PDB file of all heavy atoms in Angstrom:
ATOM      1  N   SER A   1       1.598   4.069  13.926  1.00  0.00           N
ATOM      2  CA  SER A   1       0.480   3.143  13.795  1.00  0.00           C
ATOM      3  C   SER A   1       0.428   2.480  12.421  1.00  0.00           C
ATOM      4  O   SER A   1       0.916   3.018  11.419  1.00  0.00           O
ATOM      5  CB  SER A   1      -0.846   3.857  14.066  1.00  0.00           C
ATOM      6  OG  SER A   1      -1.198   4.687  12.964  1.00  0.00           O
ATOM      7  N   LEU A   2      -0.206   1.320  12.389  1.00  0.00           N
ATOM      8  CA  LEU A   2      -0.400   0.604  11.128  1.00  0.00           C
ATOM      9  C   LEU A   2      -1.197   1.454  10.148  1.00  0.00           C
ATOM     10  O   LEU A   2      -0.883   1.492   8.949  1.00  0.00           O
ATOM     11  CB  LEU A   2      -1.118  -0.721  11.396  1.00  0.00           C
ATOM     12  CG  LEU A   2      -1.442  -1.570  10.161  1.00  0.00           C
ATOM     13  CD1 LEU A   2      -0.171  -1.959   9.416  1.00  0.00           C
ATOM     14  CD2 LEU A   2      -2.237  -2.810  10.567  1.00  0.00           C
ATOM     15  N   ASP A   3      -2.212   2.164  10.631  1.00  0.00           N
ATOM     16  CA  ASP A   3      -3.014   3.000   9.733  1.00  0.00           C
ATOM     17  C   ASP A   3      -2.177   4.104   9.091  1.00  0.00           C
ATOM     18  O   ASP A   3      -2.332   4.396   7.898  1.00  0.00           O
ATOM     19  CB  ASP A   3      -4.199   3.618  10.488  1.00  0.00           C
ATOM     20  CG  ASP A   3      -5.394   2.680  10.551  1.00  0.00           C
ATOM     21  OD1 ASP A   3      -5.418   1.678   9.813  1.00  0.00           O
ATOM     22  OD2 ASP A   3      -6.312   2.959  11.355  1.00  0.00           O
ATOM     23  N   LEU A   4      -1.292   4.737   9.861  1.00  0.00           N
ATOM     24  CA  LEU A   4      -0.448   5.781   9.291  1.00  0.00           C
ATOM     25  C   LEU A   4       0.566   5.201   8.315  1.00  0.00           C
ATOM     26  O   LEU A   4       0.849   5.791   7.263  1.00  0.00           O
ATOM     27  CB  LEU A   4       0.266   6.555  10.399  1.00  0.00           C
ATOM     28  CG  LEU A   4      -0.613   7.519  11.208  1.00  0.00           C
ATOM     29  CD1 LEU A   4       0.201   8.164  12.322  1.00  0.00           C
ATOM     30  CD2 LEU A   4      -1.225   8.585  10.306  1.00  0.00           C
ATOM     31  N   ALA A   5       1.121   4.030   8.645  1.00  0.00           N
ATOM     32  CA  ALA A   5       2.052   3.378   7.721  1.00  0.00           C
ATOM     33  C   ALA A   5       1.340   2.986   6.427  1.00  0.00           C
ATOM     34  O   ALA A   5       1.896   3.133   5.325  1.00  0.00           O
ATOM     35  CB  ALA A   5       2.665   2.150   8.382  1.00  0.00           C
ATOM     36  N   LEU A   6       0.108   2.512   6.553  1.00  0.00           N
ATOM     37  CA  LEU A   6      -0.682   2.157   5.374  1.00  0.00           C
ATOM     38  C   LEU A   6      -0.979   3.388   4.528  1.00  0.00           C
ATOM     39  O   LEU A   6      -0.936   3.336   3.293  1.00  0.00           O
ATOM     40  CB  LEU A   6      -1.983   1.488   5.818  1.00  0.00           C
ATOM     41  CG  LEU A   6      -3.002   1.174   4.713  1.00  0.00           C
ATOM     42  CD1 LEU A   6      -2.406   0.250   3.664  1.00  0.00           C
ATOM     43  CD2 LEU A   6      -4.262   0.546   5.326  1.00  0.00           C
ATOM     44  N   LYS A   7      -1.244   4.512   5.183  1.00  0.00           N
ATOM     45  CA  LYS A   7      -1.462   5.762   4.437  1.00  0.00           C
ATOM     46  C   LYS A   7      -0.263   6.080   3.579  1.00  0.00           C
ATOM     47  O   LYS A   7      -0.384   6.463   2.401  1.00  0.00           O
ATOM     48  CB  LYS A   7      -1.729   6.901   5.416  1.00  0.00           C
ATOM     49  CG  LYS A   7      -1.956   8.259   4.756  1.00  0.00           C
ATOM     50  CD  LYS A   7      -1.610   9.417   5.669  1.00  0.00           C
ATOM     51  CE  LYS A   7      -0.113   9.608   5.796  1.00  0.00           C
ATOM     52  NZ  LYS A   7       0.273  10.828   6.538  1.00  0.00           N
ATOM     53  N   ASP A   8       0.936   5.922   4.142  1.00  0.00           N
ATOM     54  CA  ASP A   8       2.151   6.247   3.404  1.00  0.00           C
ATOM     55  C   ASP A   8       2.388   5.272   2.254  1.00  0.00           C
ATOM     56  O   ASP A   8       2.857   5.666   1.179  1.00  0.00           O
ATOM     57  CB  ASP A   8       3.351   6.249   4.349  1.00  0.00           C
ATOM     58  CG  ASP A   8       3.280   7.389   5.361  1.00  0.00           C
ATOM     59  OD1 ASP A   8       2.389   8.246   5.226  1.00  0.00           O
ATOM     60  OD2 ASP A   8       4.106   7.413   6.286  1.00  0.00           O
ATOM     61  N   VAL A   9       2.089   3.995   2.474  1.00  0.00           N
ATOM     62  CA  VAL A   9       2.198   3.011   1.385  1.00  0.00           C
ATOM     63  C   VAL A   9       1.235   3.375   0.256  1.00  0.00           C
ATOM     64  O   VAL A   9       1.587   3.302  -0.934  1.00  0.00           O
ATOM     65  CB  VAL A   9       1.917   1.590   1.914  1.00  0.00           C
ATOM     66  CG1 VAL A   9       1.715   0.606   0.768  1.00  0.00           C
ATOM     67  CG2 VAL A   9       3.059   1.120   2.810  1.00  0.00           C
ATOM     68  N   THR A  10       0.038   3.794   0.614  1.00  0.00           N
ATOM     69  CA  THR A  10      -0.950   4.180  -0.392  1.00  0.00           C
ATOM     70  C   THR A  10      -0.497   5.412  -1.162  1.00  0.00           C
ATOM     71  O   THR A  10      -0.657   5.493  -2.392  1.00  0.00           O
ATOM     72  CB  THR A  10      -2.315   4.437   0.277  1.00  0.00           C
ATOM     73  OG1 THR A  10      -2.714   3.261   1.002  1.00  0.00           O
ATOM     74  CG2 THR A  10      -3.378   4.768  -0.757  1.00  0.00           C
ATOM     75  N   LEU A  11       0.093   6.382  -0.467  1.00  0.00           N
ATOM     76  CA  LEU A  11       0.635   7.561  -1.141  1.00  0.00           C
ATOM     77  C   LEU A  11       1.733   7.166  -2.123  1.00  0.00           C
ATOM     78  O   LEU A  11       1.831   7.724  -3.229  1.00  0.00           O
ATOM     79  CB  LEU A  11       1.187   8.546  -0.120  1.00  0.00           C
ATOM     80  CG  LEU A  11       0.177   9.323   0.727  1.00  0.00           C
ATOM     81  CD1 LEU A  11       0.887  10.117   1.818  1.00  0.00           C
ATOM     82  CD2 LEU A  11      -0.670  10.251  -0.142  1.00  0.00           C
ATOM     83  N   ALA A  12       2.570   6.215  -1.722  1.00  0.00           N
ATOM     84  CA  ALA A  12       3.631   5.752  -2.617  1.00  0.00           C
ATOM     85  C   ALA A  12       3.031   5.094  -3.859  1.00  0.00           C
ATOM     86  O   ALA A  12       3.487   5.345  -4.991  1.00  0.00           O
ATOM     87  CB  ALA A  12       4.552   4.779  -1.888  1.00  0.00           C
ATOM     88  N   LEU A  13       2.022   4.267  -3.671  1.00  0.00           N
ATOM     89  CA  LEU A  13       1.378   3.614  -4.815  1.00  0.00           C
ATOM     90  C   LEU A  13       0.708   4.633  -5.729  1.00  0.00           C
ATOM     91  O   LEU A  13       0.680   4.457  -6.952  1.00  0.00           O
ATOM     92  CB  LEU A  13       0.359   2.582  -4.328  1.00  0.00           C
ATOM     93  CG  LEU A  13       0.947   1.268  -3.810  1.00  0.00           C
ATOM     94  CD1 LEU A  13      -0.137   0.424  -3.147  1.00  0.00           C
ATOM     95  CD2 LEU A  13       1.597   0.491  -4.949  1.00  0.00           C
ATOM     96  N   ASP A  14       0.186   5.694  -5.145  1.00  0.00           N
ATOM     97  CA  ASP A  14      -0.456   6.742  -5.949  1.00  0.00           C
ATOM     98  C   ASP A  14       0.552   7.484  -6.826  1.00  0.00           C
ATOM     99  O   ASP A  14       0.159   8.153  -7.791  1.00  0.00           O
ATOM    100  CB  ASP A  14      -1.171   7.748  -5.041  1.00  0.00           C
ATOM    101  CG  ASP A  14      -2.414   7.166  -4.398  1.00  0.00           C
ATOM    102  OD1 ASP A  14      -2.898   6.115  -4.871  1.00  0.00           O
ATOM    103  OD2 ASP A  14      -2.901   7.751  -3.419  1.00  0.00           O
ATOM    104  N   SER A  15       1.836   7.384  -6.489  1.00  0.00           N
ATOM    105  CA  SER A  15       2.852   8.135  -7.233  1.00  0.00           C
ATOM    106  C   SER A  15       3.526   7.301  -8.323  1.00  0.00           C
ATOM    107  O   SER A  15       4.397   7.806  -9.031  1.00  0.00           O
ATOM    108  CB  SER A  15       3.921   8.664  -6.268  1.00  0.00           C
ATOM    109  OG  SER A  15       4.725   7.607  -5.772  1.00  0.00           O
ATOM    110  N   VAL A  16       3.140   6.028  -8.447  1.00  0.00           N
ATOM    111  CA  VAL A  16       3.789   5.142  -9.413  1.00  0.00           C
ATOM    112  C   VAL A  16       2.735   4.382 -10.220  1.00  0.00           C
ATOM    113  O   VAL A  16       1.532   4.497  -9.972  1.00  0.00           O
ATOM    114  CB  VAL A  16       4.721   4.128  -8.700  1.00  0.00           C
ATOM    115  CG1 VAL A  16       5.845   4.835  -7.974  1.00  0.00           C
ATOM    116  CG2 VAL A  16       3.935   3.243  -7.730  1.00  0.00           C
ATOM    117  N   ASP A  17       3.209   3.598 -11.169  1.00  0.00           N
ATOM    118  CA  ASP A  17       2.344   2.690 -11.922  1.00  0.00           C
ATOM    119  C   ASP A  17       2.139   1.432 -11.084  1.00  0.00           C
ATOM    120  O   ASP A  17       3.071   0.649 -10.868  1.00  0.00           O
ATOM    121  CB  ASP A  17       3.006   2.346 -13.257  1.00  0.00           C
ATOM    122  CG  ASP A  17       2.222   1.313 -14.058  1.00  0.00           C
ATOM    123  OD1 ASP A  17       1.090   0.972 -13.654  1.00  0.00           O
ATOM    124  OD2 ASP A  17       2.753   0.841 -15.081  1.00  0.00           O
ATOM    125  N   ARG A  18       0.930   1.229 -10.596  1.00  0.00           N
ATOM    126  CA  ARG A  18       0.669   0.104  -9.701  1.00  0.00           C
ATOM    127  C   ARG A  18       0.979  -1.238 -10.357  1.00  0.00           C
ATOM    128  O   ARG A  18       1.399  -2.183  -9.678  1.00  0.00           O
ATOM    129  CB  ARG A  18      -0.792   0.131  -9.233  1.00  0.00           C
ATOM    130  CG  ARG A  18      -1.070   1.226  -8.217  1.00  0.00           C
ATOM    131  CD  ARG A  18      -2.540   1.267  -7.832  1.00  0.00           C
ATOM    132  NE  ARG A  18      -2.759   2.268  -6.785  1.00  0.00           N
ATOM    133  CZ  ARG A  18      -3.201   1.985  -5.562  1.00  0.00           C
ATOM    134  NH1 ARG A  18      -3.501   0.747  -5.240  1.00  0.00           N
ATOM    135  NH2 ARG A  18      -3.361   2.937  -4.671  1.00  0.00           N
ATOM    136  N   ASP A  19       0.775  -1.343 -11.643  1.00  0.00           N
ATOM    137  CA  ASP A  19       1.035  -2.611 -12.328  1.00  0.00           C
ATOM    138  C   ASP A  19       2.504  -2.996 -12.263  1.00  0.00           C
ATOM    139  O   ASP A  19       2.857  -4.173 -12.405  1.00  0.00           O
ATOM    140  CB  ASP A  19       0.592  -2.532 -13.787  1.00  0.00           C
ATOM    141  CG  ASP A  19      -0.925  -2.462 -13.931  1.00  0.00           C
ATOM    142  OD1 ASP A  19      -1.627  -2.859 -12.971  1.00  0.00           O
ATOM    143  OD2 ASP A  19      -1.402  -2.017 -14.988  1.00  0.00           O
ATOM    144  N   SER A  20       3.372  -2.016 -12.048  1.00  0.00           N
ATOM    145  CA  SER A  20       4.810  -2.287 -11.953  1.00  0.00           C
ATOM    146  C   SER A  20       5.240  -2.631 -10.531  1.00  0.00           C
ATOM    147  O   SER A  20       6.414  -2.936 -10.307  1.00  0.00           O
ATOM    148  CB  SER A  20       5.606  -1.059 -12.435  1.00  0.00           C
ATOM    149  OG  SER A  20       5.319  -0.770 -13.787  1.00  0.00           O
ATOM    150  N   HIS A  21       4.305  -2.574  -9.583  1.00  0.00           N
ATOM    151  CA  HIS A  21       4.640  -2.819  -8.175  1.00  0.00           C
ATOM    152  C   HIS A  21       3.643  -3.796  -7.539  1.00  0.00           C
ATOM    153  O   HIS A  21       2.991  -3.470  -6.547  1.00  0.00           O
ATOM    154  CB  HIS A  21       4.657  -1.494  -7.415  1.00  0.00           C
ATOM    155  CG  HIS A  21       5.704  -0.541  -7.882  1.00  0.00           C
ATOM    156  ND1 HIS A  21       6.966  -0.499  -7.347  1.00  0.00           N
ATOM    157  CD2 HIS A  21       5.681   0.397  -8.872  1.00  0.00           C
ATOM    158  CE1 HIS A  21       7.680   0.422  -7.969  1.00  0.00           C
ATOM    159  NE2 HIS A  21       6.927   0.980  -8.900  1.00  0.00           N
ATOM    160  N   PRO A  22       3.524  -5.010  -8.095  1.00  0.00           N
ATOM    161  CA  PRO A  22       2.518  -5.940  -7.572  1.00  0.00           C
ATOM    162  C   PRO A  22       2.764  -6.373  -6.134  1.00  0.00           C
ATOM    163  O   PRO A  22       1.813  -6.651  -5.397  1.00  0.00           O
ATOM    164  CB  PRO A  22       2.621  -7.138  -8.536  1.00  0.00           C
ATOM    165  CG  PRO A  22       4.008  -7.049  -9.106  1.00  0.00           C
ATOM    166  CD  PRO A  22       4.301  -5.589  -9.216  1.00  0.00           C
ATOM    167  N   VAL A  23       4.019  -6.426  -5.705  1.00  0.00           N
ATOM    168  CA  VAL A  23       4.304  -6.850  -4.325  1.00  0.00           C
ATOM    169  C   VAL A  23       3.857  -5.774  -3.343  1.00  0.00           C
ATOM    170  O   VAL A  23       3.254  -6.072  -2.296  1.00  0.00           O
ATOM    171  CB  VAL A  23       5.798  -7.167  -4.161  1.00  0.00           C
ATOM    172  CG1 VAL A  23       6.083  -7.624  -2.736  1.00  0.00           C
ATOM    173  CG2 VAL A  23       6.226  -8.247  -5.147  1.00  0.00           C
ATOM    174  N   LEU A  24       4.110  -4.531  -3.684  1.00  0.00           N
ATOM    175  CA  LEU A  24       3.669  -3.434  -2.814  1.00  0.00           C
ATOM    176  C   LEU A  24       2.137  -3.364  -2.779  1.00  0.00           C
ATOM    177  O   LEU A  24       1.543  -3.088  -1.730  1.00  0.00           O
ATOM    178  CB  LEU A  24       4.252  -2.109  -3.300  1.00  0.00           C
ATOM    179  CG  LEU A  24       4.044  -0.896  -2.382  1.00  0.00           C
ATOM    180  CD1 LEU A  24       4.639  -1.144  -1.007  1.00  0.00           C
ATOM    181  CD2 LEU A  24       4.646   0.368  -3.003  1.00  0.00           C
ATOM    182  N   VAL A  25       1.501  -3.629  -3.914  1.00  0.00           N
ATOM    183  CA  VAL A  25       0.033  -3.664  -3.952  1.00  0.00           C
ATOM    184  C   VAL A  25      -0.490  -4.766  -3.032  1.00  0.00           C
ATOM    185  O   VAL A  25      -1.444  -4.559  -2.266  1.00  0.00           O
ATOM    186  CB  VAL A  25      -0.467  -3.872  -5.388  1.00  0.00           C
ATOM    187  CG1 VAL A  25      -1.975  -4.160  -5.402  1.00  0.00           C
ATOM    188  CG2 VAL A  25      -0.163  -2.651  -6.253  1.00  0.00           C
ATOM    189  N   ALA A  26       0.138  -5.944  -3.079  1.00  0.00           N
ATOM    190  CA  ALA A  26      -0.292  -7.058  -2.226  1.00  0.00           C
ATOM    191  C   ALA A  26      -0.106  -6.725  -0.753  1.00  0.00           C
ATOM    192  O   ALA A  26      -0.959  -7.051   0.089  1.00  0.00           O
ATOM    193  CB  ALA A  26       0.482  -8.325  -2.594  1.00  0.00           C
ATOM    194  N   LEU A  27       1.006  -6.063  -0.428  1.00  0.00           N
ATOM    195  CA  LEU A  27       1.234  -5.641   0.957  1.00  0.00           C
ATOM    196  C   LEU A  27       0.134  -4.687   1.401  1.00  0.00           C
ATOM    197  O   LEU A  27      -0.418  -4.832   2.503  1.00  0.00           O
ATOM    198  CB  LEU A  27       2.611  -4.994   1.069  1.00  0.00           C
ATOM    199  CG  LEU A  27       3.056  -4.496   2.446  1.00  0.00           C
ATOM    200  CD1 LEU A  27       4.578  -4.598   2.589  1.00  0.00           C
ATOM    201  CD2 LEU A  27       2.632  -3.051   2.704  1.00  0.00           C
ATOM    202  N   ALA A  28      -0.185  -3.703   0.561  1.00  0.00           N
ATOM    203  CA  ALA A  28      -1.230  -2.739   0.919  1.00  0.00           C
ATOM    204  C   ALA A  28      -2.570  -3.439   1.123  1.00  0.00           C
ATOM    205  O   ALA A  28      -3.323  -3.096   2.045  1.00  0.00           O
ATOM    206  CB  ALA A  28      -1.348  -1.668  -0.165  1.00  0.00           C
ATOM    207  N   ASP A  29      -2.885  -4.410   0.282  1.00  0.00           N
ATOM    208  CA  ASP A  29      -4.146  -5.151   0.430  1.00  0.00           C
ATOM    209  C   ASP A  29      -4.182  -5.888   1.768  1.00  0.00           C
ATOM    210  O   ASP A  29      -5.211  -5.890   2.460  1.00  0.00           O
ATOM    211  CB  ASP A  29      -4.314  -6.137  -0.724  1.00  0.00           C
ATOM    212  CG  ASP A  29      -4.618  -5.461  -2.049  1.00  0.00           C
ATOM    213  OD1 ASP A  29      -5.011  -4.271  -2.044  1.00  0.00           O
ATOM    214  OD2 ASP A  29      -4.470  -6.124  -3.100  1.00  0.00           O
ATOM    215  N   GLN A  30      -3.070  -6.515   2.122  1.00  0.00           N
ATOM    216  CA  GLN A  30      -3.021  -7.251   3.390  1.00  0.00           C
ATOM    217  C   GLN A  30      -3.137  -6.301   4.575  1.00  0.00           C
ATOM    218  O   GLN A  30      -3.834  -6.579   5.552  1.00  0.00           O
ATOM    219  CB  GLN A  30      -1.725  -8.056   3.476  1.00  0.00           C
ATOM    220  CG  GLN A  30      -1.670  -8.956   4.713  1.00  0.00           C
ATOM    221  CD  GLN A  30      -0.410  -9.797   4.747  1.00  0.00           C
ATOM    222  OE1 GLN A  30       0.690  -9.258   4.866  1.00  0.00           O
ATOM    223  NE2 GLN A  30      -0.562 -11.110   4.650  1.00  0.00           N
ATOM    224  N   TRP A  31      -2.464  -5.148   4.497  1.00  0.00           N
ATOM    225  CA  TRP A  31      -2.534  -4.184   5.590  1.00  0.00           C
ATOM    226  C   TRP A  31      -3.928  -3.562   5.692  1.00  0.00           C
ATOM    227  O   TRP A  31      -4.396  -3.270   6.786  1.00  0.00           O
ATOM    228  CB  TRP A  31      -1.473  -3.105   5.399  1.00  0.00           C
ATOM    229  CG  TRP A  31      -0.081  -3.575   5.704  1.00  0.00           C
ATOM    230  CD1 TRP A  31       0.362  -4.877   5.763  1.00  0.00           C
ATOM    231  CD2 TRP A  31       1.053  -2.772   5.998  1.00  0.00           C
ATOM    232  NE1 TRP A  31       1.700  -4.919   6.064  1.00  0.00           N
ATOM    233  CE2 TRP A  31       2.154  -3.642   6.212  1.00  0.00           C
ATOM    234  CE3 TRP A  31       1.260  -1.405   6.081  1.00  0.00           C
ATOM    235  CZ2 TRP A  31       3.433  -3.171   6.518  1.00  0.00           C
ATOM    236  CZ3 TRP A  31       2.535  -0.926   6.390  1.00  0.00           C
ATOM    237  CH2 TRP A  31       3.605  -1.812   6.610  1.00  0.00           C
ATOM    238  N   ASN A  32      -4.583  -3.361   4.558  1.00  0.00           N
ATOM    239  CA  ASN A  32      -5.960  -2.875   4.586  1.00  0.00           C
ATOM    240  C   ASN A  32      -6.854  -3.837   5.343  1.00  0.00           C
ATOM    241  O   ASN A  32      -7.688  -3.429   6.159  1.00  0.00           O
ATOM    242  CB  ASN A  32      -6.486  -2.693   3.164  1.00  0.00           C
ATOM    243  CG  ASN A  32      -6.402  -1.256   2.691  1.00  0.00           C
ATOM    244  OD1 ASN A  32      -6.840  -0.346   3.385  1.00  0.00           O
ATOM    245  ND2 ASN A  32      -5.840  -1.049   1.514  1.00  0.00           N
ATOM    246  N   LYS A  33      -6.702  -5.112   5.075  1.00  0.00           N
ATOM    247  CA  LYS A  33      -7.511  -6.111   5.771  1.00  0.00           C
ATOM    248  C   LYS A  33      -7.205  -6.111   7.270  1.00  0.00           C
ATOM    249  O   LYS A  33      -8.119  -6.181   8.102  1.00  0.00           O
ATOM    250  CB  LYS A  33      -7.257  -7.509   5.195  1.00  0.00           C
ATOM    251  CG  LYS A  33      -8.143  -8.588   5.825  1.00  0.00           C
ATOM    252  CD  LYS A  33      -7.907  -9.939   5.200  1.00  0.00           C
ATOM    253  CE  LYS A  33      -8.906 -10.965   5.771  1.00  0.00           C
ATOM    254  NZ  LYS A  33      -8.879 -11.044   7.246  1.00  0.00           N
ATOM    255  N   ALA A  34      -5.913  -6.004   7.612  1.00  0.00           N
ATOM    256  CA  ALA A  34      -5.543  -5.968   9.030  1.00  0.00           C
ATOM    257  C   ALA A  34      -6.156  -4.749   9.719  1.00  0.00           C
ATOM    258  O   ALA A  34      -6.633  -4.828  10.855  1.00  0.00           O
ATOM    259  CB  ALA A  34      -4.025  -5.952   9.165  1.00  0.00           C
ATOM    260  N   SER A  35      -6.161  -3.623   9.025  1.00  0.00           N
ATOM    261  CA  SER A  35      -6.773  -2.418   9.588  1.00  0.00           C
ATOM    262  C   SER A  35      -8.265  -2.619   9.811  1.00  0.00           C
ATOM    263  O   SER A  35      -8.807  -2.280  10.870  1.00  0.00           O
ATOM    264  CB  SER A  35      -6.528  -1.228   8.658  1.00  0.00           C
ATOM    265  OG  SER A  35      -7.150  -0.064   9.153  1.00  0.00           O
TER     266      SER A  35
END
């Protein structure tokens, strides 16, 4: 599911410096809205 995939993306972002991954942050924001 999209929600489970979003959970995993969020876990990945929690393990890194978000400022260094702006594209992944944007993807997570878009998936949050879709959810």
